[in-house]
Amino acid sequence: MNNKIILAITFLVMSFNCSLVFAAPDEIYLFRHSEKLTGKNPALSEVGKARANNLVTFFKEYQNIHIFSSNYKRTLQTAAPLQAHFNTKLNVYNAGELGDLKNELLKLKGVVVVIGHSNTTPQLAELLSNEKVPAMSETQFTQYFILHNKPRSNGTDYDVTHHTMSF
């Protein structure tokens, strides 16, 4: 009897650990924050607010997403409409610690959205895909990346595609 209990507990622990090892998002969307005003830690402009609201249309088919934003007004405001639509937690990350963010993202399942900056968004795409991606200029707000989990990968290999918003 005791051997069966020990065997059952061992099986459950191993199953739980395996699910963590193989957990990884199916898709990761990387956006730069929307258009901003000027100044130190600026808020979004009216155009930026409209673009942030339109981001919800990308994800209407999903019931839930994981949302990450750096801790700046413009990124938090870009993420806010998604957070409100999905009534979910907004995860704040340190934009200077992209390696830590990568590790955190790879523990998740489903769809992940990351709102970043013109310098950090391409850097994160490269970290996740091990591919070179185009840089973003300080004036580009319509560019974004989608990373798809590669078939038959162990959950850490992603193909990256570069896109332009139509709104």
Foldseek 3Di string as FASTA:
>chain_A
DVVVVVVVVVVVVVVVVLCQQLAAEQKEKEFEFFDFDDDDLTAHDPRRLVVLLVVVVVCVVDQDEAAEEAPTRRRCSSCVNVCVVNVDDYHYDHLVCLVVVLVVNLSHYYYYYYYHHQASQQVNVCVQAVDHDDGGDNPDRFKMKMWGQDPPDSSRHTDIDIDGDPD
